[in-house]
Amino acid sequence: MEALERFEADCAFVAEPLGNPALASRPAFEEELVAIAHAGHRPIRSAADLETGTLLGFEPGCNYRARLEAWHAAGGAAPPRVLELGSYHAIVACAAAGIGAAIVPRSVLGLYRDLPAISLHSLGKAGRVRTLLAWHPAMASAALDALLQALPAPDAPASNPPLSAAA
């Protein structure tokens, strides 16, 4: 988001909410977030079911980390310790080792050739997240317009008019 605001990036895929009304956006796809933990973990329906007080996530400012912390707080569990990691590979490996629990996109787990032994737990409606393609209107370009045309038709109205109409 900061790179978009500083004109250092033409566009970015970001999870809702966008948080900056100056940016234009269009729905790109929906994602399902799931809770993961070590393979033998009991079913996780809320944060109270976690066998660890450690959460695995990215640095502050990450939308998925904010969702993880909000989900944890809604479960009424004690404030967690968050182990900040730099990649999904590290998060999955630490979950498999029993170091902590995390929420990750199900699609990321589907990319593994040899997924470590972990347990997956649905978050239900709380796990549904819409990802937007966001851009600063001043960064409009033919390349960005082509990217917008390549995206599937949105299932909901865009928050801003199509790029070609805004340019």
N, C-alpha and C. Protein backbone atom coordinates (compact mmCIF):
# COMPACT_ATOMS: atom_id res chain seq x y z
N MET A 1 0.83 -1.19 0.00
CA MET A 1 0.00 0.00 0.00
C MET A 1 0.87 1.25 0.00
N GLU A 2 1.93 1.22 0.80
CA GLU A 2 2.81 2.40 0.84
C GLU A 2 3.49 2.63 -0.50
N ALA A 3 3.85 1.56 -1.20
CA ALA A 3 4.49 1.71 -2.51
C ALA A 3 3.51 2.33 -3.50
N LEU A 4 2.24 1.97 -3.43
CA LEU A 4 1.24 2.58 -4.29
C LEU A 4 1.10 4.07 -3.97
N GLU A 5 1.04 4.38 -2.70
CA GLU A 5 0.86 5.76 -2.28
C GLU A 5 2.05 6.64 -2.63
N ARG A 6 3.26 6.05 -2.69
CA ARG A 6 4.48 6.80 -3.03
C ARG A 6 4.80 6.71 -4.52
N PHE A 7 3.90 6.13 -5.31
CA PHE A 7 4.08 5.98 -6.76
C PHE A 7 5.31 5.12 -7.10
N GLU A 8 5.62 4.16 -6.25
CA GLU A 8 6.73 3.25 -6.49
C GLU A 8 6.27 1.95 -7.14
N ALA A 9 4.96 1.75 -7.22
CA ALA A 9 4.39 0.57 -7.86
C ALA A 9 3.20 1.02 -8.70
N ASP A 10 3.04 0.39 -9.84
CA ASP A 10 1.90 0.74 -10.71
C ASP A 10 0.59 0.21 -10.14
N CYS A 11 0.64 -0.99 -9.57
CA CYS A 11 -0.56 -1.61 -9.01
C CYS A 11 -0.13 -2.71 -8.05
N ALA A 12 -1.09 -3.22 -7.30
CA ALA A 12 -0.80 -4.29 -6.35
C ALA A 12 -2.08 -5.06 -6.05
N PHE A 13 -1.93 -6.34 -5.76
CA PHE A 13 -3.04 -7.14 -5.28
C PHE A 13 -3.07 -7.00 -3.77
N VAL A 14 -4.20 -6.56 -3.22
CA VAL A 14 -4.32 -6.34 -1.79
C VAL A 14 -5.64 -6.93 -1.29
N ALA A 15 -5.62 -7.41 -0.07
CA ALA A 15 -6.85 -7.95 0.53
C ALA A 15 -7.70 -6.80 1.04
N GLU A 16 -9.02 -6.99 0.97
CA GLU A 16 -9.92 -5.98 1.54
C GLU A 16 -9.75 -5.94 3.04
N PRO A 17 -9.98 -4.83 3.66
CA PRO A 17 -10.42 -3.57 3.09
C PRO A 17 -9.23 -2.80 2.52
N LEU A 18 -9.50 -1.98 1.53
CA LEU A 18 -8.45 -1.22 0.86
C LEU A 18 -7.84 -0.19 1.78
N GLY A 19 -8.67 0.56 2.48
CA GLY A 19 -8.16 1.48 3.49
C GLY A 19 -7.69 2.84 3.00
N ASN A 20 -7.64 3.06 1.70
CA ASN A 20 -7.21 4.36 1.18
C ASN A 20 -8.18 4.77 0.07
N PRO A 21 -9.05 5.73 0.35
CA PRO A 21 -10.04 6.12 -0.66
C PRO A 21 -9.44 6.80 -1.89
N ALA A 22 -8.17 7.21 -1.84
CA ALA A 22 -7.53 7.84 -2.99
C ALA A 22 -7.13 6.81 -4.05
N LEU A 23 -7.11 5.54 -3.68
CA LEU A 23 -6.72 4.49 -4.62
C LEU A 23 -7.94 3.94 -5.34
N ALA A 24 -7.75 3.60 -6.59
CA ALA A 24 -8.78 2.92 -7.36
C ALA A 24 -8.60 1.42 -7.16
N SER A 25 -9.67 0.65 -7.34
CA SER A 25 -9.55 -0.80 -7.17
C SER A 25 -10.62 -1.52 -7.96
N ARG A 26 -10.35 -2.80 -8.14
CA ARG A 26 -11.33 -3.69 -8.77
C ARG A 26 -11.18 -5.07 -8.17
N PRO A 27 -12.29 -5.73 -7.84
CA PRO A 27 -12.18 -7.10 -7.32
C PRO A 27 -11.44 -7.99 -8.32
N ALA A 28 -10.53 -8.80 -7.80
CA ALA A 28 -9.75 -9.70 -8.66
C ALA A 28 -10.11 -11.16 -8.41
N PHE A 29 -10.16 -11.58 -7.15
CA PHE A 29 -10.50 -12.97 -6.83
C PHE A 29 -10.82 -13.08 -5.35
N GLU A 30 -11.43 -14.21 -4.98
CA GLU A 30 -11.68 -14.51 -3.58
C GLU A 30 -10.70 -15.57 -3.12
N GLU A 31 -10.36 -15.50 -1.87
CA GLU A 31 -9.40 -16.41 -1.28
C GLU A 31 -10.04 -17.04 -0.05
N GLU A 32 -9.66 -18.27 0.24
CA GLU A 32 -10.09 -18.90 1.49
C GLU A 32 -8.88 -19.03 2.39
N LEU A 33 -8.96 -18.42 3.56
CA LEU A 33 -7.92 -18.56 4.55
C LEU A 33 -8.28 -19.72 5.46
N VAL A 34 -7.28 -20.52 5.82
CA VAL A 34 -7.48 -21.64 6.73
C VAL A 34 -6.47 -21.54 7.87
N ALA A 35 -6.84 -22.06 9.01
CA ALA A 35 -5.90 -22.16 10.13
C ALA A 35 -5.06 -23.41 9.92
N ILE A 36 -3.77 -23.30 10.22
CA ILE A 36 -2.90 -24.47 10.15
C ILE A 36 -2.16 -24.63 11.47
N ALA A 37 -1.87 -25.86 11.78
CA ALA A 37 -1.12 -26.21 12.99
C ALA A 37 -0.44 -27.56 12.73
N HIS A 38 0.24 -28.09 13.73
CA HIS A 38 0.92 -29.38 13.55
C HIS A 38 -0.10 -30.47 13.22
N ALA A 39 0.37 -31.55 12.65
CA ALA A 39 -0.51 -32.60 12.12
C ALA A 39 -1.45 -33.21 13.16
N GLY A 40 -1.05 -33.32 14.39
CA GLY A 40 -1.88 -33.95 15.40
C GLY A 40 -2.76 -33.00 16.19
N HIS A 41 -2.84 -31.76 15.78
CA HIS A 41 -3.61 -30.76 16.53
C HIS A 41 -5.10 -31.11 16.54
N ARG A 42 -5.73 -30.92 17.68
CA ARG A 42 -7.18 -31.14 17.77
C ARG A 42 -7.90 -30.13 16.87
N PRO A 43 -9.17 -30.35 16.55
CA PRO A 43 -9.91 -29.41 15.70
C PRO A 43 -9.87 -27.98 16.24
N ILE A 44 -9.70 -27.03 15.34
CA ILE A 44 -9.65 -25.62 15.71
C ILE A 44 -10.92 -24.96 15.18
N ARG A 45 -11.75 -24.51 16.09
CA ARG A 45 -12.97 -23.78 15.72
C ARG A 45 -12.86 -22.31 16.10
N SER A 46 -12.01 -22.03 17.10
CA SER A 46 -11.75 -20.66 17.55
C SER A 46 -10.35 -20.64 18.16
N ALA A 47 -9.89 -19.46 18.50
CA ALA A 47 -8.56 -19.33 19.09
C ALA A 47 -8.44 -20.08 20.41
N ALA A 48 -9.55 -20.27 21.11
CA ALA A 48 -9.53 -21.00 22.38
C ALA A 48 -9.11 -22.46 22.18
N ASP A 49 -9.22 -22.98 20.95
CA ASP A 49 -8.85 -24.36 20.68
C ASP A 49 -7.37 -24.54 20.39
N LEU A 50 -6.62 -23.44 20.27
CA LEU A 50 -5.19 -23.55 19.96
C LEU A 50 -4.43 -24.18 21.12
N GLU A 51 -3.50 -25.05 20.77
CA GLU A 51 -2.67 -25.70 21.78
C GLU A 51 -1.40 -24.90 22.07
N THR A 52 -1.25 -23.76 21.42
CA THR A 52 -0.06 -22.93 21.58
C THR A 52 -0.48 -21.47 21.72
N GLY A 53 0.33 -20.70 22.41
CA GLY A 53 0.08 -19.27 22.53
C GLY A 53 0.85 -18.48 21.50
N THR A 54 1.49 -19.18 20.56
CA THR A 54 2.29 -18.51 19.54
C THR A 54 1.58 -18.55 18.20
N LEU A 55 1.46 -17.38 17.59
CA LEU A 55 0.93 -17.28 16.24
C LEU A 55 2.08 -17.02 15.28
N LEU A 56 1.93 -17.51 14.08
CA LEU A 56 2.95 -17.35 13.04
C LEU A 56 2.39 -16.41 12.00
N GLY A 57 3.14 -15.36 11.66
CA GLY A 57 2.63 -14.42 10.68
C GLY A 57 3.71 -13.52 10.12
N PHE A 58 3.27 -12.65 9.22
CA PHE A 58 4.17 -11.68 8.64
C PHE A 58 4.27 -10.47 9.57
N GLU A 59 5.03 -9.47 9.17
CA GLU A 59 5.23 -8.29 10.02
C GLU A 59 3.95 -7.47 10.12
N PRO A 60 3.87 -6.57 11.12
CA PRO A 60 2.70 -5.71 11.25
C PRO A 60 2.47 -4.93 9.95
N GLY A 61 1.21 -4.70 9.65
CA GLY A 61 0.86 -4.02 8.40
C GLY A 61 0.31 -4.99 7.38
N CYS A 62 0.59 -6.28 7.55
CA CYS A 62 0.05 -7.30 6.66
C CYS A 62 -1.43 -7.52 6.99
N ASN A 63 -2.27 -7.46 5.97
CA ASN A 63 -3.70 -7.63 6.17
C ASN A 63 -4.02 -9.01 6.76
N TYR A 64 -3.33 -10.05 6.30
CA TYR A 64 -3.61 -11.39 6.82
C TYR A 64 -3.19 -11.51 8.28
N ARG A 65 -2.11 -10.83 8.66
CA ARG A 65 -1.73 -10.84 10.08
C ARG A 65 -2.81 -10.14 10.90
N ALA A 66 -3.31 -9.02 10.42
CA ALA A 66 -4.37 -8.30 11.14
C ALA A 66 -5.59 -9.20 11.30
N ARG A 67 -5.92 -9.96 10.25
CA ARG A 67 -7.05 -10.88 10.33
C ARG A 67 -6.78 -11.99 11.36
N LEU A 68 -5.54 -12.49 11.37
CA LEU A 68 -5.15 -13.52 12.33
C LEU A 68 -5.31 -13.00 13.76
N GLU A 69 -4.82 -11.79 14.01
CA GLU A 69 -4.90 -11.23 15.35
C GLU A 69 -6.35 -10.93 15.75
N ALA A 70 -7.17 -10.46 14.79
CA ALA A 70 -8.58 -10.19 15.08
C ALA A 70 -9.32 -11.50 15.37
N TRP A 71 -9.03 -12.54 14.58
CA TRP A 71 -9.64 -13.85 14.82
C TRP A 71 -9.25 -14.36 16.20
N HIS A 72 -7.99 -14.19 16.56
CA HIS A 72 -7.52 -14.65 17.86
C HIS A 72 -8.21 -13.89 18.98
N ALA A 73 -8.32 -12.58 18.85
CA ALA A 73 -8.96 -11.76 19.88
C ALA A 73 -10.44 -12.11 20.01
N ALA A 74 -11.11 -12.40 18.90
CA ALA A 74 -12.53 -12.74 18.93
C ALA A 74 -12.78 -14.07 19.64
N GLY A 75 -11.75 -14.92 19.68
CA GLY A 75 -11.88 -16.21 20.35
C GLY A 75 -11.73 -16.15 21.85
N GLY A 76 -11.41 -14.97 22.37
CA GLY A 76 -11.31 -14.81 23.82
C GLY A 76 -10.06 -15.39 24.44
N ALA A 77 -9.08 -15.74 23.63
CA ALA A 77 -7.84 -16.30 24.17
C ALA A 77 -6.93 -15.18 24.68
N ALA A 78 -5.96 -15.56 25.50
CA ALA A 78 -4.99 -14.59 26.01
C ALA A 78 -4.21 -13.97 24.85
N PRO A 79 -3.71 -12.75 25.01
CA PRO A 79 -2.94 -12.13 23.92
C PRO A 79 -1.80 -13.04 23.47
N PRO A 80 -1.67 -13.19 22.16
CA PRO A 80 -0.67 -14.13 21.66
C PRO A 80 0.72 -13.52 21.52
N ARG A 81 1.68 -14.39 21.44
CA ARG A 81 3.03 -14.02 21.00
C ARG A 81 3.02 -14.26 19.50
N VAL A 82 3.51 -13.32 18.70
CA VAL A 82 3.55 -13.49 17.25
C VAL A 82 4.99 -13.64 16.81
N LEU A 83 5.27 -14.77 16.21
CA LEU A 83 6.59 -15.01 15.63
C LEU A 83 6.52 -14.52 14.19
N GLU A 84 7.26 -13.46 13.89
CA GLU A 84 7.23 -12.86 12.56
C GLU A 84 8.18 -13.60 11.62
N LEU A 85 7.63 -14.05 10.52
CA LEU A 85 8.39 -14.80 9.53
C LEU A 85 8.26 -14.12 8.17
N GLY A 86 9.18 -14.41 7.27
CA GLY A 86 9.23 -13.71 6.00
C GLY A 86 8.65 -14.43 4.82
N SER A 87 8.14 -15.65 4.99
CA SER A 87 7.60 -16.39 3.85
C SER A 87 6.57 -17.40 4.32
N TYR A 88 5.71 -17.79 3.38
CA TYR A 88 4.76 -18.85 3.70
C TYR A 88 5.49 -20.16 3.95
N HIS A 89 6.60 -20.40 3.26
CA HIS A 89 7.36 -21.64 3.49
C HIS A 89 7.79 -21.73 4.96
N ALA A 90 8.28 -20.62 5.51
CA ALA A 90 8.71 -20.61 6.90
C ALA A 90 7.51 -20.79 7.83
N ILE A 91 6.40 -20.15 7.52
CA ILE A 91 5.19 -20.27 8.35
C ILE A 91 4.70 -21.72 8.38
N VAL A 92 4.62 -22.34 7.20
CA VAL A 92 4.15 -23.73 7.13
C VAL A 92 5.11 -24.66 7.86
N ALA A 93 6.41 -24.46 7.67
CA ALA A 93 7.41 -25.32 8.34
C ALA A 93 7.31 -25.19 9.85
N CYS A 94 7.15 -23.98 10.35
CA CYS A 94 7.04 -23.78 11.80
C CYS A 94 5.74 -24.37 12.35
N ALA A 95 4.65 -24.26 11.59
CA ALA A 95 3.40 -24.88 12.02
C ALA A 95 3.56 -26.40 12.08
N ALA A 96 4.20 -26.98 11.07
CA ALA A 96 4.42 -28.43 11.03
C ALA A 96 5.27 -28.88 12.21
N ALA A 97 6.22 -28.04 12.62
CA ALA A 97 7.10 -28.38 13.74
C ALA A 97 6.45 -28.15 15.10
N GLY A 98 5.23 -27.62 15.11
CA GLY A 98 4.53 -27.40 16.37
C GLY A 98 4.92 -26.11 17.08
N ILE A 99 5.59 -25.21 16.39
CA ILE A 99 6.05 -23.96 17.00
C ILE A 99 4.90 -22.99 17.22
N GLY A 100 3.88 -23.05 16.37
CA GLY A 100 2.75 -22.15 16.49
C GLY A 100 1.68 -22.49 15.49
N ALA A 101 0.69 -21.64 15.41
CA ALA A 101 -0.42 -21.80 14.46
C ALA A 101 -0.51 -20.53 13.63
N ALA A 102 -1.14 -20.65 12.46
CA ALA A 102 -1.23 -19.52 11.53
C ALA A 102 -2.50 -19.61 10.72
N ILE A 103 -2.80 -18.54 10.00
CA ILE A 103 -3.79 -18.62 8.94
C ILE A 103 -3.07 -18.32 7.64
N VAL A 104 -3.39 -19.10 6.63
CA VAL A 104 -2.76 -18.96 5.31
C VAL A 104 -3.81 -19.19 4.23
N PRO A 105 -3.57 -18.67 3.04
CA PRO A 105 -4.49 -18.96 1.94
C PRO A 105 -4.41 -20.44 1.56
N ARG A 106 -5.57 -21.07 1.41
CA ARG A 106 -5.60 -22.47 0.99
C ARG A 106 -4.86 -22.65 -0.33
N SER A 107 -4.95 -21.66 -1.21
CA SER A 107 -4.30 -21.76 -2.53
C SER A 107 -2.79 -21.87 -2.40
N VAL A 108 -2.20 -21.24 -1.40
CA VAL A 108 -0.74 -21.34 -1.19
C VAL A 108 -0.37 -22.78 -0.86
N LEU A 109 -1.17 -23.43 -0.04
CA LEU A 109 -0.89 -24.82 0.33
C LEU A 109 -1.00 -25.73 -0.88
N GLY A 110 -1.88 -25.39 -1.81
CA GLY A 110 -2.04 -26.19 -3.02
C GLY A 110 -0.85 -26.11 -3.96
N LEU A 111 0.06 -25.16 -3.75
CA LEU A 111 1.23 -25.01 -4.60
C LEU A 111 2.39 -25.94 -4.20
N TYR A 112 2.30 -26.51 -3.01
CA TYR A 112 3.39 -27.36 -2.52
C TYR A 112 3.42 -28.68 -3.26
N ARG A 113 4.61 -29.10 -3.62
CA ARG A 113 4.80 -30.44 -4.19
C ARG A 113 4.79 -31.46 -3.06
N ASP A 114 5.46 -31.14 -1.95
CA ASP A 114 5.50 -32.01 -0.77
C ASP A 114 5.13 -31.18 0.45
N LEU A 115 3.85 -31.04 0.70
CA LEU A 115 3.38 -30.25 1.82
C LEU A 115 3.78 -30.93 3.12
N PRO A 116 4.42 -30.20 4.03
CA PRO A 116 4.75 -30.79 5.33
C PRO A 116 3.48 -31.27 6.04
N ALA A 117 3.63 -32.16 6.99
CA ALA A 117 2.50 -32.71 7.73
C ALA A 117 1.92 -31.63 8.64
N ILE A 118 0.77 -31.10 8.25
CA ILE A 118 0.07 -30.09 9.03
C ILE A 118 -1.41 -30.46 9.08
N SER A 119 -2.12 -29.82 9.99
CA SER A 119 -3.58 -29.96 10.01
C SER A 119 -4.17 -28.66 9.48
N LEU A 120 -5.25 -28.77 8.72
CA LEU A 120 -5.95 -27.62 8.16
C LEU A 120 -7.31 -27.52 8.84
N HIS A 121 -7.70 -26.29 9.14
CA HIS A 121 -8.95 -26.05 9.85
C HIS A 121 -9.69 -24.89 9.19
N SER A 122 -10.91 -25.12 8.79
CA SER A 122 -11.71 -24.10 8.14
C SER A 122 -12.03 -22.97 9.12
N LEU A 123 -12.03 -21.76 8.64
CA LEU A 123 -12.43 -20.61 9.44
C LEU A 123 -13.85 -20.18 9.11
N GLY A 124 -14.50 -20.95 8.22
CA GLY A 124 -15.86 -20.62 7.82
C GLY A 124 -15.91 -19.27 7.13
N LYS A 125 -16.96 -18.53 7.40
CA LYS A 125 -17.15 -17.23 6.77
C LYS A 125 -16.00 -16.27 7.08
N ALA A 126 -15.43 -16.36 8.26
CA ALA A 126 -14.31 -15.49 8.64
C ALA A 126 -13.09 -15.72 7.76
N GLY A 127 -13.02 -16.86 7.10
CA GLY A 127 -11.89 -17.17 6.26
C GLY A 127 -12.03 -16.71 4.81
N ARG A 128 -13.17 -16.14 4.47
CA ARG A 128 -13.37 -15.65 3.10
C ARG A 128 -12.81 -14.24 2.99
N VAL A 129 -11.96 -14.01 2.01
CA VAL A 129 -11.39 -12.68 1.81
C VAL A 129 -11.35 -12.38 0.32
N ARG A 130 -11.72 -11.17 -0.01
CA ARG A 130 -11.68 -10.76 -1.41
C ARG A 130 -10.40 -9.97 -1.64
N THR A 131 -9.71 -10.29 -2.71
CA THR A 131 -8.49 -9.60 -3.09
C THR A 131 -8.81 -8.65 -4.23
N LEU A 132 -8.29 -7.45 -4.11
CA LEU A 132 -8.51 -6.40 -5.09
C LEU A 132 -7.23 -6.11 -5.85
N LEU A 133 -7.37 -5.68 -7.09
CA LEU A 133 -6.25 -5.06 -7.79
C LEU A 133 -6.41 -3.58 -7.52
N ALA A 134 -5.39 -2.96 -6.92
CA ALA A 134 -5.47 -1.55 -6.54
C ALA A 134 -4.37 -0.77 -7.27
N TRP A 135 -4.68 0.49 -7.55
CA TRP A 135 -3.71 1.36 -8.21
C TRP A 135 -4.05 2.81 -7.89
N HIS A 136 -3.06 3.66 -8.03
CA HIS A 136 -3.31 5.09 -7.89
C HIS A 136 -3.77 5.59 -9.25
N PRO A 137 -4.86 6.35 -9.33
CA PRO A 137 -5.36 6.81 -10.63
C PRO A 137 -4.32 7.54 -11.48
N ALA A 138 -3.36 8.18 -10.84
CA ALA A 138 -2.31 8.88 -11.60
C ALA A 138 -1.37 7.91 -12.31
N MET A 139 -1.43 6.65 -11.96
CA MET A 139 -0.54 5.65 -12.56
C MET A 139 -1.22 4.88 -13.69
N ALA A 140 -2.34 5.39 -14.20
CA ALA A 140 -3.05 4.73 -15.30
C ALA A 140 -2.13 4.56 -16.50
N SER A 141 -2.23 3.39 -17.15
CA SER A 141 -1.40 3.10 -18.32
C SER A 141 -2.09 2.04 -19.16
N ALA A 142 -1.60 1.88 -20.37
CA ALA A 142 -2.14 0.83 -21.25
C ALA A 142 -1.87 -0.55 -20.66
N ALA A 143 -0.71 -0.72 -20.03
CA ALA A 143 -0.38 -2.03 -19.42
C ALA A 143 -1.34 -2.35 -18.29
N LEU A 144 -1.65 -1.37 -17.47
CA LEU A 144 -2.59 -1.59 -16.37
C LEU A 144 -3.98 -1.89 -16.93
N ASP A 145 -4.38 -1.18 -17.96
CA ASP A 145 -5.68 -1.43 -18.59
C ASP A 145 -5.73 -2.86 -19.13
N ALA A 146 -4.63 -3.32 -19.73
CA ALA A 146 -4.58 -4.70 -20.25
C ALA A 146 -4.69 -5.71 -19.11
N LEU A 147 -4.05 -5.43 -17.99
CA LEU A 147 -4.15 -6.32 -16.83
C LEU A 147 -5.59 -6.37 -16.33
N LEU A 148 -6.24 -5.23 -16.26
CA LEU A 148 -7.64 -5.20 -15.84
C LEU A 148 -8.52 -6.00 -16.79
N GLN A 149 -8.24 -5.92 -18.08
CA GLN A 149 -9.02 -6.67 -19.07
C GLN A 149 -8.78 -8.18 -18.93
N ALA A 150 -7.61 -8.56 -18.45
CA ALA A 150 -7.27 -9.98 -18.30
C ALA A 150 -7.91 -10.61 -17.07
N LEU A 151 -8.31 -9.79 -16.11
CA LEU A 151 -8.94 -10.32 -14.90
C LEU A 151 -10.33 -10.84 -15.22
N PRO A 152 -10.78 -11.85 -14.48
CA PRO A 152 -12.15 -12.32 -14.67
C PRO A 152 -13.13 -11.17 -14.39
N ALA A 153 -14.29 -11.26 -14.98
CA ALA A 153 -15.31 -10.24 -14.74
C ALA A 153 -15.60 -10.18 -13.25
N PRO A 154 -15.66 -8.99 -12.69
CA PRO A 154 -15.90 -8.87 -11.24
C PRO A 154 -17.30 -9.36 -10.88
N ASP A 155 -17.40 -9.96 -9.69
CA ASP A 155 -18.69 -10.45 -9.21
C ASP A 155 -19.44 -9.38 -8.43
N ALA A 156 -18.80 -8.23 -8.27
CA ALA A 156 -19.43 -7.10 -7.58
C ALA A 156 -18.94 -5.82 -8.25
N PRO A 157 -19.68 -4.74 -8.10
CA PRO A 157 -19.25 -3.49 -8.73
C PRO A 157 -17.88 -3.06 -8.22
N ALA A 158 -17.08 -2.49 -9.10
CA ALA A 158 -15.77 -1.96 -8.71
C ALA A 158 -15.97 -0.73 -7.83
N SER A 159 -14.97 -0.44 -7.00
CA SER A 159 -15.09 0.73 -6.15
C SER A 159 -14.85 2.01 -6.92
N ASN A 160 -14.32 1.90 -8.12
CA ASN A 160 -14.06 3.04 -8.97
C ASN A 160 -14.42 2.67 -10.40
N PRO A 161 -14.61 3.64 -11.27
CA PRO A 161 -14.92 3.31 -12.67
C PRO A 161 -13.77 2.58 -13.33
N PRO A 162 -14.03 1.87 -14.44
CA PRO A 162 -12.94 1.21 -15.17
C PRO A 162 -11.84 2.20 -15.49
N LEU A 163 -10.61 1.72 -15.56
CA LEU A 163 -9.46 2.58 -15.79
C LEU A 163 -9.64 3.46 -17.01
N SER A 164 -10.11 2.88 -18.14
CA SER A 164 -10.23 3.65 -19.37
C SER A 164 -11.22 4.80 -19.21
N ALA A 165 -12.23 4.64 -18.35
CA ALA A 165 -13.19 5.71 -18.12
C ALA A 165 -12.62 6.76 -17.16
N ALA A 166 -11.67 6.36 -16.31
CA ALA A 166 -11.10 7.28 -15.33
C ALA A 166 -9.94 8.08 -15.91
N ALA A 167 -9.34 7.59 -16.99
CA ALA A 167 -8.15 8.24 -17.54
C ALA A 167 -8.47 9.53 -18.27
